[in-house]
Amino acid sequence: MNIFITGGTGYIGRHLIPELLGRGHVVRALVREGSERKLAPNVLPVHGNALDASTFAADVAPSDTFIQLVGVAHPSPAKAQEFRSIDLVSIRESVKAASGASIRHFIYLSVAHPAPVMKPYVEVREEGERLLRESGIPSTFIRPWYVLGPSHYWPYAILPLYWLWSAIPSSRDTAQRLYPVKLAKVVQAIANAVENPTDSIRIVEAPEMRRSVAGYQLPEPADKPDRAPYSARLW
């Protein structure tokens, strides 16, 4: 595939791009002037501003796959305004740039929802999904709740609580959907989505990501009116 990626120098992007290159894909990454040195070798830099489609829309072609990873680092309830001024604006501009271009598949790093906390963050990601649905671009929504990896290990301390939560039949689906996912699994899930494009809307939740292996065939389709296969029954 010929991939256009935003957020390629971030936490997930730094690990995803080498995986995509290793699988033989062409990767073009949106970066600000001077940030191209942060990219992996053999990535083609595209200079522009992720918050302004006019700075990069003309450079989306000839890519066929768009991956949106832009987001506020280390999300917390205190960053509600940043979610709207960065996360929401960037996905809106990316959808604008991808619409009418050569993109045949859009992959959006979203978040598991509904959830009992981080509601402003969830609302922004839901809005991003809505924009993609309305655009008509075939899209895959990758929905981890928390990604375990370098500098993101603290949730290991509360994993026993998730195990207990999963043992309760009435909350099992919710616990599985909000269970943290390892970085490598998220990377594999995105790479597998690249190689198995959908022609509608596909949702990949934590249970599918934890099963993800190189070459894994993602479920198709997983579109439901408002929620994914592992939807919550408590909230």
Foldseek 3Di string as FASTA:
>chain_A
DAEEEEPLLDDLNQVLVVVLVVVPYAAEYEDAPPCCVSHDPRHHYQHDDLLALVGPLVPCPPGAEYEYDWDDPPDDLVCLVVCCNTVLSSLLSVLVSPQPYNYQEYEYAAADDDDPDPVSRNVSSLVSVVSVQVSQRQYEYEHAHAEDDVVRPVCVVVVVVLVVQCVDVLFVLVSQQHPYHYSVLSSQVVSLCVVAPANHYAYHTNVNSNVGDHNDHDDPHQDDDRHGPSDHPPD
